[in-house]
C-alpha atoms as a PDB file:
ATOM      1  CA  MET A   1    -208.222-127.797-113.329  1.00  0.00           C
ATOM      2  CA  THR A   2    -204.848-128.015-111.579  1.00  0.00           C
ATOM      3  CA  GLY A   3    -201.948-125.945-112.837  1.00  0.00           C
ATOM      4  CA  ASP A   4    -198.234-126.159-112.229  1.00  0.00           C
ATOM      5  CA  SER A   5    -196.842-125.501-108.787  1.00  0.00           C
ATOM      6  CA  THR A   6    -197.081-121.814-107.907  1.00  0.00           C
ATOM      7  CA  GLU A   7    -194.998-119.676-105.528  1.00  0.00           C
ATOM      8  CA  LEU A   8    -197.078-117.643-103.066  1.00  0.00           C
ATOM      9  CA  ILE A   9    -196.222-115.080-100.375  1.00  0.00           C
ATOM     10  CA  VAL A  10    -198.619-115.272 -97.422  1.00  0.00           C
ATOM     11  CA  LEU A  11    -200.240-111.947 -96.499  1.00  0.00           C
ATOM     12  CA  GLY A  12    -202.722-113.247 -93.933  1.00  0.00           C
ATOM     13  CA  THR A  13    -205.530-115.728 -93.271  1.00  0.00           C
ATOM     14  CA  THR A  14    -209.269-115.631 -92.622  1.00  0.00           C
ATOM     15  CA  LYS A  15    -211.055-118.542 -90.929  1.00  0.00           C
ATOM     16  CA  VAL A  16    -213.941-120.090 -92.867  1.00  0.00           C
ATOM     17  CA  GLY A  17    -216.242-122.472 -90.999  1.00  0.00           C
ATOM     18  CA  GLU A  18    -214.796-125.174 -88.781  1.00  0.00           C
ATOM     19  CA  SER A  19    -212.110-126.591 -91.026  1.00  0.00           C
ATOM     20  CA  GLY A  20    -211.245-124.034 -93.657  1.00  0.00           C
ATOM     21  CA  ILE A  21    -209.198-120.874 -94.061  1.00  0.00           C
ATOM     22  CA  VAL A  22    -208.756-118.391 -96.855  1.00  0.00           C
ATOM     23  CA  VAL A  23    -205.049-117.696 -97.325  1.00  0.00           C
ATOM     24  CA  HIS A  24    -204.488-114.210 -98.727  1.00  0.00           C
ATOM     25  CA  THR A  25    -201.441-114.296-100.971  1.00  0.00           C
ATOM     26  CA  LEU A  26    -199.307-112.467-103.493  1.00  0.00           C
ATOM     27  CA  SER A  27    -197.955-114.399-106.472  1.00  0.00           C
ATOM     28  CA  ARG A  28    -196.391-113.743-109.847  1.00  0.00           C
ATOM     29  CA  GLU A  29    -199.230-115.451-111.701  1.00  0.00           C
ATOM     30  CA  TYR A  30    -202.287-114.259-109.780  1.00  0.00           C
ATOM     31  CA  GLY A  31    -201.229-111.028-108.082  1.00  0.00           C
ATOM     32  CA  ARG A  32    -203.004-110.513-104.777  1.00  0.00           C
ATOM     33  CA  ARG A  33    -205.535-113.326-104.387  1.00  0.00           C
ATOM     34  CA  GLY A  34    -207.183-115.397-101.662  1.00  0.00           C
ATOM     35  CA  PHE A  35    -207.244-119.201-101.874  1.00  0.00           C
ATOM     36  CA  LEU A  36    -209.290-121.672 -99.849  1.00  0.00           C
ATOM     37  CA  VAL A  37    -207.434-124.278 -97.789  1.00  0.00           C
ATOM     38  CA  ARG A  38    -209.207-127.137 -96.058  1.00  0.00           C
ATOM     39  CA  SER A  39    -207.329-127.633 -92.810  1.00  0.00           C
ATOM     40  CA  GLY A  40    -208.450-128.424 -89.315  1.00  0.00           C
ATOM     41  CA  LYS A  41    -204.940-128.965 -87.986  1.00  0.00           C
ATOM     42  CA  LYS A  42    -203.578-126.168 -85.836  1.00  0.00           C
ATOM     43  CA  ALA A  43    -200.011-127.372 -86.408  1.00  0.00           C
ATOM     44  CA  GLY A  44    -200.456-126.730 -90.112  1.00  0.00           C
ATOM     45  CA  MET A  45    -201.056-123.030 -89.457  1.00  0.00           C
ATOM     46  CA  ALA A  46    -197.305-122.532 -89.041  1.00  0.00           C
ATOM     47  CA  LEU A  47    -197.153-122.734 -92.834  1.00  0.00           C
ATOM     48  CA  PHE A  48    -199.216-119.584 -93.100  1.00  0.00           C
ATOM     49  CA  LEU A  49    -197.169-117.126 -91.036  1.00  0.00           C
ATOM     50  CA  PRO A  50    -197.097-113.642 -92.602  1.00  0.00           C
ATOM     51  CA  MET A  51    -194.601-113.368 -95.494  1.00  0.00           C
ATOM     52  CA  ASN A  52    -193.905-117.106 -95.597  1.00  0.00           C
ATOM     53  CA  VAL A  53    -193.047-118.192 -99.140  1.00  0.00           C
ATOM     54  CA  LEU A  54    -194.970-121.311-100.171  1.00  0.00           C
ATOM     55  CA  GLU A  55    -195.222-123.642-103.124  1.00  0.00           C
ATOM     56  CA  ALA A  56    -198.673-125.038-103.883  1.00  0.00           C
ATOM     57  CA  ASP A  57    -200.884-126.408-106.625  1.00  0.00           C
ATOM     58  CA  VAL A  58    -203.723-124.073-107.570  1.00  0.00           C
ATOM     59  CA  VAL A  59    -207.030-125.831-108.245  1.00  0.00           C
ATOM     60  CA  GLU A  60    -209.481-123.715-110.225  1.00  0.00           C
ATOM     61  CA  THR A  61    -213.137-124.021-109.248  1.00  0.00           C
ATOM     62  CA  PRO A  62    -215.337-123.418-112.328  1.00  0.00           C
ATOM     63  CA  LYS A  63    -218.409-122.287-110.365  1.00  0.00           C
ATOM     64  CA  SER A  64    -216.575-120.064-107.871  1.00  0.00           C
ATOM     65  CA  ASP A  65    -214.046-117.242-107.860  1.00  0.00           C
ATOM     66  CA  LEU A  66    -212.584-118.746-104.678  1.00  0.00           C
ATOM     67  CA  TRP A  67    -210.079-121.316-105.903  1.00  0.00           C
ATOM     68  CA  THR A  68    -208.246-123.742-103.637  1.00  0.00           C
ATOM     69  CA  ILE A  69    -204.598-124.642-103.098  1.00  0.00           C
ATOM     70  CA  ARG A  70    -203.238-128.043-102.118  1.00  0.00           C
ATOM     71  CA  ASN A  71    -199.923-129.913-101.854  1.00  0.00           C
ATOM     72  CA  ILE A  72    -198.631-126.915 -99.917  1.00  0.00           C
ATOM     73  CA  SER A  73    -195.003-126.755 -98.829  1.00  0.00           C
ATOM     74  CA  LEU A  74    -192.652-124.124 -97.438  1.00  0.00           C
ATOM     75  CA  LYS A  75    -190.272-122.828-100.112  1.00  0.00           C
ATOM     76  CA  GLU A  76    -188.274-120.346 -97.991  1.00  0.00           C
ATOM     77  CA  GLY A  77    -187.767-121.089 -94.305  1.00  0.00           C
ATOM     78  CA  LEU A  78    -186.787-117.520 -93.294  1.00  0.00           C
ATOM     79  CA  THR A  79    -185.035-118.960 -90.240  1.00  0.00           C
ATOM     80  CA  SER A  80    -183.256-115.720 -89.381  1.00  0.00           C
ATOM     81  CA  VAL A  81    -186.508-113.746 -89.548  1.00  0.00           C
ATOM     82  CA  ARG A  82    -188.467-116.188 -87.377  1.00  0.00           C
ATOM     83  CA  GLU A  83    -185.740-116.343 -84.728  1.00  0.00           C
ATOM     84  CA  ASN A  84    -185.494-112.562 -84.348  1.00  0.00           C
ATOM     85  CA  LEU A  85    -188.314-110.701 -82.574  1.00  0.00           C
ATOM     86  CA  TYR A  86    -187.627-107.452 -84.437  1.00  0.00           C
ATOM     87  CA  LYS A  87    -187.502-109.018 -87.901  1.00  0.00           C
ATOM     88  CA  ASN A  88    -190.513-111.227 -87.208  1.00  0.00           C
ATOM     89  CA  THR A  89    -192.557-108.213 -86.119  1.00  0.00           C
ATOM     90  CA  MET A  90    -191.494-106.394 -89.283  1.00  0.00           C
ATOM     91  CA  THR A  91    -193.006-109.202 -91.380  1.00  0.00           C
ATOM     92  CA  LEU A  92    -196.401-108.617 -89.715  1.00  0.00           C
ATOM     93  CA  PHE A  93    -196.161-105.010 -90.842  1.00  0.00           C
ATOM     94  CA  LEU A  94    -194.940-105.812 -94.375  1.00  0.00           C
ATOM     95  CA  ALA A  95    -197.696-108.389 -94.918  1.00  0.00           C
ATOM     96  CA  GLU A  96    -200.437-106.057 -93.708  1.00  0.00           C
ATOM     97  CA  VAL A  97    -199.185-103.182 -95.872  1.00  0.00           C
ATOM     98  CA  LEU A  98    -199.299-105.418 -98.960  1.00  0.00           C
ATOM     99  CA  PHE A  99    -202.731-106.748 -98.010  1.00  0.00           C
ATOM    100  CA  ARG A 100    -204.165-103.256 -97.474  1.00  0.00           C
ATOM    101  CA  THR A 101    -202.388-101.571-100.385  1.00  0.00           C
ATOM    102  CA  LEU A 102    -202.986-104.127-103.138  1.00  0.00           C
ATOM    103  CA  ARG A 103    -206.497-104.759-104.378  1.00  0.00           C
ATOM    104  CA  GLU A 104    -207.727-108.313-104.982  1.00  0.00           C
ATOM    105  CA  GLY A 105    -206.466-109.421-108.387  1.00  0.00           C
ATOM    106  CA  MET A 106    -203.911-106.614-108.614  1.00  0.00           C
ATOM    107  CA  ALA A 107    -200.720-107.814-110.334  1.00  0.00           C
ATOM    108  CA  GLU A 108    -198.020-105.208-110.906  1.00  0.00           C
ATOM    109  CA  ASP A 109    -195.145-106.299-113.192  1.00  0.00           C
ATOM    110  CA  GLY A 110    -192.059-107.107-111.126  1.00  0.00           C
ATOM    111  CA  LEU A 111    -193.797-106.606-107.755  1.00  0.00           C
ATOM    112  CA  TYR A 112    -193.589-110.253-106.723  1.00  0.00           C
ATOM    113  CA  GLU A 113    -189.904-110.490-107.627  1.00  0.00           C
ATOM    114  CA  TRP A 114    -189.173-107.305-105.675  1.00  0.00           C
ATOM    115  CA  CYS A 115    -191.058-108.652-102.630  1.00  0.00           C
ATOM    116  CA  ILE A 116    -189.089-111.904-102.674  1.00  0.00           C
ATOM    117  CA  GLY A 117    -185.795-110.064-103.057  1.00  0.00           C
ATOM    118  CA  SER A 118    -186.498-107.675-100.183  1.00  0.00           C
ATOM    119  CA  LEU A 119    -187.674-110.518 -97.935  1.00  0.00           C
ATOM    120  CA  LEU A 120    -184.551-112.580 -98.558  1.00  0.00           C
ATOM    121  CA  ALA A 121    -182.426-109.479 -97.941  1.00  0.00           C
ATOM    122  CA  LEU A 122    -184.066-109.008 -94.525  1.00  0.00           C
ATOM    123  CA  ASN A 123    -183.531-112.681 -93.725  1.00  0.00           C
ATOM    124  CA  ALA A 124    -179.829-112.389 -94.595  1.00  0.00           C
ATOM    125  CA  MET A 125    -179.145-109.239 -92.559  1.00  0.00           C
ATOM    126  CA  GLU A 126    -177.371-109.822 -89.262  1.00  0.00           C
ATOM    127  CA  SER A 127    -177.411-106.226 -87.986  1.00  0.00           C
ATOM    128  CA  ASP A 128    -178.292-102.640 -88.917  1.00  0.00           C
ATOM    129  CA  PHE A 129    -181.809-103.475 -90.136  1.00  0.00           C
ATOM    130  CA  SER A 130    -183.833-101.035 -87.998  1.00  0.00           C
ATOM    131  CA  ASN A 131    -184.408 -98.745 -91.010  1.00  0.00           C
ATOM    132  CA  PHE A 132    -185.678-101.648 -93.121  1.00  0.00           C
ATOM    133  CA  PRO A 133    -189.452-100.913 -92.900  1.00  0.00           C
ATOM    134  CA  VAL A 134    -188.906 -97.269 -93.884  1.00  0.00           C
ATOM    135  CA  ARG A 135    -186.754 -98.173 -96.871  1.00  0.00           C
ATOM    136  CA  TRP A 136    -189.160-100.995 -97.793  1.00  0.00           C
ATOM    137  CA  LEU A 137    -192.151 -98.605 -97.930  1.00  0.00           C
ATOM    138  CA  MET A 138    -190.211 -96.262-100.174  1.00  0.00           C
ATOM    139  CA  GLU A 139    -189.223 -99.103-102.503  1.00  0.00           C
ATOM    140  CA  LEU A 140    -192.796-100.464-102.494  1.00  0.00           C
ATOM    141  CA  ALA A 141    -193.991 -97.164-103.938  1.00  0.00           C
ATOM    142  CA  GLY A 142    -191.465 -97.582-106.748  1.00  0.00           C
ATOM    143  CA  ALA A 143    -192.459-101.220-107.304  1.00  0.00           C
ATOM    144  CA  MET A 144    -196.090-100.118-107.640  1.00  0.00           C
ATOM    145  CA  GLY A 145    -195.122 -97.586-110.299  1.00  0.00           C
ATOM    146  CA  PHE A 146    -195.153 -94.352-108.268  1.00  0.00           C
ATOM    147  CA  ARG A 147    -191.349 -93.868-108.445  1.00  0.00           C
ATOM    148  CA  PRO A 148    -191.105 -91.350-105.594  1.00  0.00           C
ATOM    149  CA  SER A 149    -189.077 -88.207-106.224  1.00  0.00           C
ATOM    150  CA  PHE A 150    -188.217 -85.631-103.593  1.00  0.00           C
ATOM    151  CA  ASP A 151    -190.699 -83.086-105.005  1.00  0.00           C
ATOM    152  CA  ASP A 152    -193.436 -85.725-105.076  1.00  0.00           C
ATOM    153  CA  ILE A 153    -192.870 -86.972-101.546  1.00  0.00           C
ATOM    154  CA  ALA A 154    -191.898 -83.673 -99.851  1.00  0.00           C
ATOM    155  CA  PRO A 155    -195.499 -82.574 -99.053  1.00  0.00           C
ATOM    156  CA  PHE A 156    -195.867 -85.681 -96.864  1.00  0.00           C
ATOM    157  CA  ALA A 157    -192.510 -85.439 -95.102  1.00  0.00           C
ATOM    158  CA  LYS A 158    -193.343 -82.535 -92.770  1.00  0.00           C
ATOM    159  CA  GLU A 159    -190.409 -81.960 -90.396  1.00  0.00           C
ATOM    160  CA  ASN A 160    -188.553 -85.004 -91.725  1.00  0.00           C
ATOM    161  CA  LEU A 161    -187.586 -83.545 -95.102  1.00  0.00           C
ATOM    162  CA  LYS A 162    -183.870 -83.964 -94.469  1.00  0.00           C
ATOM    163  CA  GLU A 163    -184.192 -87.637 -93.515  1.00  0.00           C
ATOM    164  CA  MET A 164    -186.542 -88.360 -96.421  1.00  0.00           C
ATOM    165  CA  LYS A 165    -184.078 -86.813 -98.867  1.00  0.00           C
ATOM    166  CA  LEU A 166    -181.221 -88.872 -97.418  1.00  0.00           C
ATOM    167  CA  LEU A 167    -183.268 -92.050 -97.870  1.00  0.00           C
ATOM    168  CA  LEU A 168    -184.212 -91.156-101.433  1.00  0.00           C
ATOM    169  CA  ASN A 169    -180.614 -90.472-102.423  1.00  0.00           C
ATOM    170  CA  ALA A 170    -179.087 -93.521-100.690  1.00  0.00           C
ATOM    171  CA  ASP A 171    -178.800 -97.040-102.040  1.00  0.00           C
ATOM    172  CA  PHE A 172    -180.143 -99.897 -99.911  1.00  0.00           C
ATOM    173  CA  SER A 173    -176.959-100.516 -97.914  1.00  0.00           C
ATOM    174  CA  GLU A 174    -176.403 -96.811 -97.273  1.00  0.00           C
ATOM    175  CA  SER A 175    -180.017 -96.336 -96.168  1.00  0.00           C
ATOM    176  CA  MET A 176    -179.604 -98.970 -93.440  1.00  0.00           C
ATOM    177  CA  LEU A 177    -176.808 -96.893 -91.898  1.00  0.00           C
ATOM    178  CA  ILE A 178    -178.606 -93.519 -91.825  1.00  0.00           C
ATOM    179  CA  PRO A 179    -178.854 -92.582 -88.126  1.00  0.00           C
ATOM    180  CA  LEU A 180    -182.563 -92.386 -87.208  1.00  0.00           C
ATOM    181  CA  ASN A 181    -184.152 -92.559 -83.776  1.00  0.00           C
ATOM    182  CA  GLY A 182    -187.331 -94.505 -83.064  1.00  0.00           C
ATOM    183  CA  ALA A 183    -189.632 -91.502 -83.208  1.00  0.00           C
ATOM    184  CA  THR A 184    -188.273 -90.458 -86.612  1.00  0.00           C
ATOM    185  CA  ARG A 185    -188.614 -93.979 -88.017  1.00  0.00           C
ATOM    186  CA  ASN A 186    -192.220 -94.113 -86.833  1.00  0.00           C
ATOM    187  CA  ALA A 187    -192.975 -90.704 -88.340  1.00  0.00           C
ATOM    188  CA  LEU A 188    -191.372 -91.640 -91.673  1.00  0.00           C
ATOM    189  CA  CYS A 189    -193.411 -94.859 -91.837  1.00  0.00           C
ATOM    190  CA  GLU A 190    -196.612 -92.905 -91.200  1.00  0.00           C
ATOM    191  CA  GLU A 191    -195.717 -90.296 -93.824  1.00  0.00           C
ATOM    192  CA  LEU A 192    -194.876 -92.941 -96.436  1.00  0.00           C
ATOM    193  CA  LEU A 193    -198.188 -94.692 -95.732  1.00  0.00           C
ATOM    194  CA  GLN A 194    -199.943 -91.350 -96.331  1.00  0.00           C
ATOM    195  CA  TYR A 195    -198.008 -91.069 -99.594  1.00  0.00           C
ATOM    196  CA  LEU A 196    -199.189 -94.553-100.627  1.00  0.00           C
ATOM    197  CA  SER A 197    -202.761 -93.659 -99.666  1.00  0.00           C
ATOM    198  CA  TYR A 198    -202.607 -90.558-101.834  1.00  0.00           C
ATOM    199  CA  HIS A 199    -201.409 -92.478-104.888  1.00  0.00           C
ATOM    200  CA  THR A 200    -203.706 -95.488-104.450  1.00  0.00           C
ATOM    201  CA  GLU A 201    -206.641 -93.114-103.782  1.00  0.00           C
ATOM    202  CA  TYR A 202    -207.889 -95.040-100.756  1.00  0.00           C
ATOM    203  CA  PRO A 203    -206.783 -94.979 -97.110  1.00  0.00           C
ATOM    204  CA  VAL A 204    -204.023 -97.437 -96.187  1.00  0.00           C
ATOM    205  CA  GLN A 205    -204.666 -97.974 -92.481  1.00  0.00           C
ATOM    206  CA  ILE A 206    -202.207-100.377 -90.854  1.00  0.00           C
ATOM    207  CA  LYS A 207    -203.048-101.839 -87.437  1.00  0.00           C
ATOM    208  CA  SER A 208    -199.616-103.423 -86.982  1.00  0.00           C
ATOM    209  CA  LEU A 209    -197.968 -99.990 -87.198  1.00  0.00           C
ATOM    210  CA  SER A 210    -198.655 -99.643 -83.465  1.00  0.00           C
ATOM    211  CA  VAL A 211    -196.637-102.828 -82.819  1.00  0.00           C
ATOM    212  CA  LEU A 212    -193.796-101.443 -84.900  1.00  0.00           C
ATOM    213  CA  ARG A 213    -193.918 -98.230 -82.847  1.00  0.00           C
ATOM    214  CA  GLU A 214    -193.345-100.270 -79.685  1.00  0.00           C
ATOM    215  CA  LEU A 215    -190.195-101.772 -81.190  1.00  0.00           C
ATOM    216  CA  TYR A 216    -188.867 -98.329 -82.004  1.00  0.00           C
ATOM    217  CA  LYS A 217    -189.419 -96.696 -78.643  1.00  0.00           C
END
């Protein structure tokens, strides 16, 4: 059965055989879910860059939990993100955090809309976006229902209590202007990942965090 066209955020891909990939996605309708795509064309892989926003038809497979998608097109080009090394690297991190944090089939109310909004905000920013991953992790906790308060997050903040409090009390625009050095940003990202691990009750280990650290040196 084929449904209406569905919006999907790409979180990653896994190769299957010679001509197939599983595209791990987040959508409003299906939450976090992998879909099979039959594609042997390397050029087509540009569609599946981390955090790309796609439109596709979902085809349910009655005898399998692994459904397919077809008629795939790019909904949001994210030109500014793809042309900027720093922003593009951030999307690797954001996609992996979502992939590792959300369980297959998990669909939190409003999470997809928040993800789209934050992604388009990053794409629109021309400067002062170095604090974006830190703020994004904090907002992700809220979008997942944890609603971080200072008392809740303080045990994870260690020597960065002051900076964590500033971030919690600032709105998005203000948080982008909080003066943080690279080491502090890295530490805050690690502490917020520990906070997410505590609330999800399983370790959120992010390989791309090391790439982010290099940006912030």
